[in-house]
Amino acid sequence: MSDSVILIDKPAGMSSFGVVARIKRVLSEQEAGKPSVVLNKRRRVKVGHTGTLDPFATGLMIIVTGKECKNAGNYSKLDKVYEATIRLGQTSKTGDPEGELTDVSKNIPSDDDIEKALTKFVGEVTQVPPIYSAIKIDGQRAYKLAREGKEFEVPARKVTIFSLDLVDYTYPTLKIRTHVSSGTYIRTLAADIGETLGVGAYCIELRRTRIAKWDVADAKKLSDFGIDS
């Protein structure tokens, strides 16, 4: 695995950087045949990821090791497929279950309302990524600036939503499956759907199931590496 691609099914509650750190420790120990605490830097395995998943999210991550790390940028540009559960009637400051919630509306959209709303987001759309994101603003991560209470603007971006399918709708939860271009934020998509419906919304569950040709069904669990999640 010194110069390879590893597919990982990330568990909920762990950051992408946490996944990389754990995989790096295990691979470094395997490479040297001894605990990582006694390794010098020259004997550590180089490990990187090709795009973050929010801590609350689960699913496919492409981990690159060794010389393959130089191609990380190419993998990050690939399109992706997500399954998401959206909670209607409220908004979240972070767009996910970890943020402060605000009640917006108790109106119950009809099935027809939902279908019409979803069709508006298929194709090229403009998104403003969440302030609690890994986007860099003047060299600093947006989420760090947000946590410090600093005011800033996240620039809008054009993304493409190739498909957006309704999986299930039982108010107040809406389940969708969507195929999107790189750079698309599903938390933003959820919030925008809620705004279109006039009731507010945020993402309560998120799972990445595909990245281009790679499927989460072929990914390893952290437990396969002896890592407790």
Protein backbone atom coordinates (compact mmCIF):
# COMPACT_ATOMS: atom_id res chain seq x y z
CA MET A 1 0.00 0.00 0.00
CA SER A 2 3.00 2.34 -0.25
CA ASP A 3 1.79 4.04 -3.48
CA SER A 4 -1.88 3.25 -3.72
CA VAL A 5 -5.53 4.23 -3.49
CA ILE A 6 -7.53 2.99 -0.49
CA LEU A 7 -11.31 3.22 -0.34
CA ILE A 8 -12.62 3.93 3.16
CA ASP A 9 -16.20 3.96 4.45
CA LYS A 10 -15.98 6.83 6.93
CA PRO A 11 -18.06 6.47 10.10
CA ALA A 12 -20.14 9.29 11.57
CA GLY A 13 -18.59 11.44 14.28
CA MET A 14 -15.07 11.50 12.88
CA SER A 15 -13.41 14.17 10.77
CA SER A 16 -11.78 13.34 7.47
CA PHE A 17 -8.45 14.44 8.94
CA GLY A 18 -9.04 12.01 11.80
CA VAL A 19 -9.51 9.18 9.33
CA VAL A 20 -6.28 10.07 7.54
CA ALA A 21 -4.34 10.28 10.82
CA ARG A 22 -5.53 6.84 11.93
CA ILE A 23 -4.79 5.20 8.59
CA LYS A 24 -1.37 6.84 8.51
CA ARG A 25 -0.52 5.51 11.96
CA VAL A 26 -1.53 1.95 11.07
CA LEU A 27 0.27 1.93 7.71
CA SER A 28 3.39 3.41 9.28
CA GLU A 29 3.39 0.68 11.93
CA GLN A 30 2.95 -1.98 9.26
CA GLU A 31 5.76 -0.49 7.19
CA ALA A 32 8.22 -0.50 10.05
CA GLY A 33 6.96 -3.52 11.94
CA LYS A 34 7.03 -1.64 15.22
CA PRO A 35 4.89 0.93 17.12
CA SER A 36 4.75 4.30 15.44
CA VAL A 37 6.01 6.08 18.56
CA VAL A 38 9.53 4.87 17.83
CA LEU A 39 9.52 5.70 14.13
CA ASN A 40 11.47 8.54 12.71
CA LYS A 41 9.87 10.76 10.07
CA ARG A 42 11.70 9.10 7.18
CA ARG A 43 9.96 5.81 7.87
CA ARG A 44 6.43 7.16 8.04
CA VAL A 45 4.05 6.47 5.17
CA LYS A 46 2.76 9.53 3.36
CA VAL A 47 -1.06 9.53 3.43
CA GLY A 48 -3.63 12.05 2.20
CA HIS A 49 -7.29 12.34 1.30
CA THR A 50 -8.99 13.62 -1.83
CA GLY A 51 -11.90 15.59 -0.40
CA THR A 52 -13.40 16.03 3.05
CA LEU A 53 -16.63 14.68 4.47
CA ASP A 54 -18.33 16.51 7.31
CA PRO A 55 -17.89 14.82 10.71
CA PHE A 56 -21.61 13.92 10.90
CA ALA A 57 -21.49 12.37 7.40
CA THR A 58 -20.58 8.81 6.45
CA GLY A 59 -19.46 7.10 3.31
CA LEU A 60 -16.80 6.91 0.67
CA MET A 61 -13.43 8.55 1.04
CA ILE A 62 -10.55 8.00 -1.34
CA ILE A 63 -7.29 7.82 0.60
CA VAL A 64 -4.02 8.10 -1.31
CA THR A 65 -0.63 6.94 -0.09
CA GLY A 66 2.99 7.46 -1.07
CA LYS A 67 3.60 8.80 -4.56
CA GLU A 68 -0.13 8.63 -5.33
CA CYS A 69 -0.58 11.64 -3.02
CA LYS A 70 0.57 13.88 -5.87
CA ASN A 71 -2.60 12.91 -7.77
CA ALA A 72 -4.95 13.83 -4.90
CA GLY A 73 -6.14 16.93 -6.73
CA ASN A 74 -7.30 14.87 -9.70
CA TYR A 75 -9.47 12.66 -7.51
CA SER A 76 -11.00 15.66 -5.72
CA LYS A 77 -12.36 16.99 -9.03
CA LEU A 78 -14.49 13.89 -9.69
CA ASP A 79 -18.29 13.90 -9.50
CA LYS A 80 -20.01 12.25 -6.53
CA VAL A 81 -23.26 10.60 -5.45
CA TYR A 82 -24.87 11.26 -2.07
CA GLU A 83 -27.87 10.04 -0.13
CA ALA A 84 -29.22 12.63 2.28
CA THR A 85 -32.00 12.95 4.82
CA ILE A 86 -33.35 16.47 5.19
CA ARG A 87 -35.42 17.80 8.06
CA LEU A 88 -38.06 20.33 7.03
CA GLY A 89 -39.47 23.12 9.19
CA GLN A 90 -36.22 24.23 10.80
CA THR A 91 -32.84 25.63 9.85
CA SER A 92 -29.46 24.91 11.41
CA LYS A 93 -26.68 27.44 11.84
CA THR A 94 -24.22 24.87 10.50
CA GLY A 95 -26.62 23.17 8.10
CA ASP A 96 -26.38 19.90 10.02
CA PRO A 97 -27.49 18.41 13.39
CA GLU A 98 -24.58 20.02 15.24
CA GLY A 99 -25.74 23.60 14.76
CA GLU A 100 -28.17 25.81 16.64
CA LEU A 101 -31.70 25.13 15.36
CA THR A 102 -34.31 27.73 14.48
CA ASP A 103 -37.99 26.97 13.89
CA VAL A 104 -39.19 28.39 10.58
CA SER A 105 -42.58 26.98 9.65
CA LYS A 106 -45.05 24.27 10.55
CA ASN A 107 -46.54 24.21 7.05
CA ILE A 108 -46.45 20.74 5.51
CA PRO A 109 -45.44 20.74 1.84
CA SER A 110 -47.38 18.36 -0.39
CA ASP A 111 -45.77 15.61 -2.44
CA ASP A 112 -46.28 17.80 -5.50
CA ASP A 113 -44.59 20.73 -3.76
CA ILE A 114 -41.57 18.53 -3.04
CA GLU A 115 -41.30 17.23 -6.60
CA LYS A 116 -41.55 20.72 -8.07
CA ALA A 117 -38.94 22.08 -5.68
CA LEU A 118 -36.43 19.35 -6.49
CA THR A 119 -36.70 19.89 -10.25
CA LYS A 120 -35.52 23.48 -9.78
CA PHE A 121 -32.11 22.28 -8.64
CA VAL A 122 -31.24 19.98 -11.53
CA GLY A 123 -28.60 21.42 -13.85
CA GLU A 124 -26.10 24.20 -13.25
CA VAL A 125 -26.94 26.11 -10.09
CA THR A 126 -25.31 28.79 -7.96
CA GLN A 127 -24.44 27.86 -4.40
CA VAL A 128 -23.05 29.80 -1.47
CA PRO A 129 -21.13 27.23 0.60
CA PRO A 130 -21.77 27.14 4.37
CA ILE A 131 -19.68 29.40 6.56
CA TYR A 132 -18.93 26.27 8.58
CA SER A 133 -16.91 24.63 5.81
CA ALA A 134 -13.30 23.87 4.95
CA ILE A 135 -13.18 26.56 2.29
CA LYS A 136 -10.25 28.94 2.75
CA ILE A 137 -10.93 32.65 3.21
CA ASP A 138 -7.73 34.70 3.02
CA GLY A 139 -5.73 31.59 3.87
CA GLN A 140 -7.86 30.48 6.82
CA ARG A 141 -10.54 27.81 7.02
CA ALA A 142 -14.03 29.29 7.00
CA TYR A 143 -15.19 27.15 9.92
CA LYS A 144 -12.37 28.47 12.10
CA LEU A 145 -13.31 32.06 11.32
CA ALA A 146 -16.98 31.28 12.02
CA ARG A 147 -16.15 29.71 15.37
CA GLU A 148 -14.17 32.81 16.28
CA GLY A 149 -17.23 34.93 15.56
CA LYS A 150 -15.60 36.82 12.71
CA GLU A 151 -17.68 38.27 9.91
CA PHE A 152 -16.83 37.28 6.35
CA GLU A 153 -18.43 36.35 3.06
CA VAL A 154 -18.11 33.02 1.29
CA PRO A 155 -18.09 33.57 -2.48
CA ALA A 156 -20.83 31.93 -4.53
CA ARG A 157 -19.89 29.20 -6.98
CA LYS A 158 -21.39 27.41 -9.96
CA VAL A 159 -21.93 23.67 -9.49
CA THR A 160 -23.82 21.06 -11.48
CA ILE A 161 -26.47 18.74 -10.11
CA PHE A 162 -26.78 15.97 -12.67
CA SER A 163 -29.72 14.26 -10.98
CA LEU A 164 -31.82 14.76 -7.85
CA ASP A 165 -34.23 11.97 -6.98
CA LEU A 166 -36.82 11.71 -4.24
CA VAL A 167 -36.30 8.50 -2.25
CA ASP A 168 -38.90 9.02 0.46
CA TYR A 169 -40.98 11.78 1.98
CA THR A 170 -42.68 11.45 5.33
CA TYR A 171 -42.97 14.88 6.88
CA PRO A 172 -40.83 16.31 8.39
CA THR A 173 -38.11 14.19 6.77
CA LEU A 174 -37.22 14.14 3.11
CA LYS A 175 -34.78 11.60 1.69
CA ILE A 176 -32.98 12.28 -1.58
CA ARG A 177 -30.29 10.77 -3.78
CA THR A 178 -28.22 13.15 -5.87
CA HIS A 179 -25.38 12.98 -8.40
CA VAL A 180 -23.34 16.18 -8.30
CA SER A 181 -20.18 17.82 -9.55
CA SER A 182 -17.16 18.40 -7.38
CA GLY A 183 -17.57 21.37 -5.05
CA THR A 184 -21.28 20.84 -4.40
CA TYR A 185 -22.36 21.20 -0.78
CA ILE A 186 -25.31 18.98 0.15
CA ARG A 187 -25.88 21.02 3.32
CA THR A 188 -26.38 24.06 1.11
CA LEU A 189 -28.64 22.09 -1.23
CA ALA A 190 -30.79 21.06 1.75
CA ALA A 191 -31.05 24.64 2.98
CA ASP A 192 -31.88 25.91 -0.50
CA ILE A 193 -34.62 23.29 -0.90
CA GLY A 194 -36.09 24.40 2.41
CA GLU A 195 -35.98 28.03 1.32
CA THR A 196 -37.69 27.20 -1.97
CA LEU A 197 -40.44 25.40 -0.06
CA GLY A 198 -40.72 28.31 2.35
CA VAL A 199 -40.34 26.11 5.42
CA GLY A 200 -36.61 25.95 6.08
CA ALA A 201 -34.52 22.78 6.14
CA TYR A 202 -31.23 21.28 7.19
CA CYS A 203 -29.39 18.02 6.59
CA ILE A 204 -29.66 15.46 9.39
CA GLU A 205 -27.97 12.50 7.67
CA LEU A 206 -25.53 12.39 4.78
CA ARG A 207 -23.82 9.47 3.09
CA ARG A 208 -21.49 9.55 0.07
CA THR A 209 -22.03 6.38 -1.93
CA ARG A 210 -19.95 6.94 -5.05
CA ILE A 211 -17.02 8.94 -6.36
CA ALA A 212 -16.91 8.55 -10.15
CA LYS A 213 -16.38 4.80 -10.76
CA TRP A 214 -15.70 3.93 -7.10
CA ASP A 215 -18.52 2.64 -4.91
CA VAL A 216 -18.78 2.61 -1.12
CA ALA A 217 -19.74 -1.08 -1.32
CA ASP A 218 -16.10 -1.78 -2.22
CA ALA A 219 -14.66 0.31 0.60
CA LYS A 220 -12.99 -0.93 3.77
CA LYS A 221 -14.18 -0.13 7.28
CA LEU A 222 -11.74 1.34 9.78
CA SER A 223 -12.20 -1.86 11.77
CA ASP A 224 -10.53 -3.72 8.88
CA PHE A 225 -7.37 -1.86 9.91
CA GLY A 226 -7.88 -2.60 13.59
CA ILE A 227 -9.08 0.93 14.23
CA ASP A 228 -11.90 1.66 16.66
CA SER A 229 -14.30 4.24 15.34
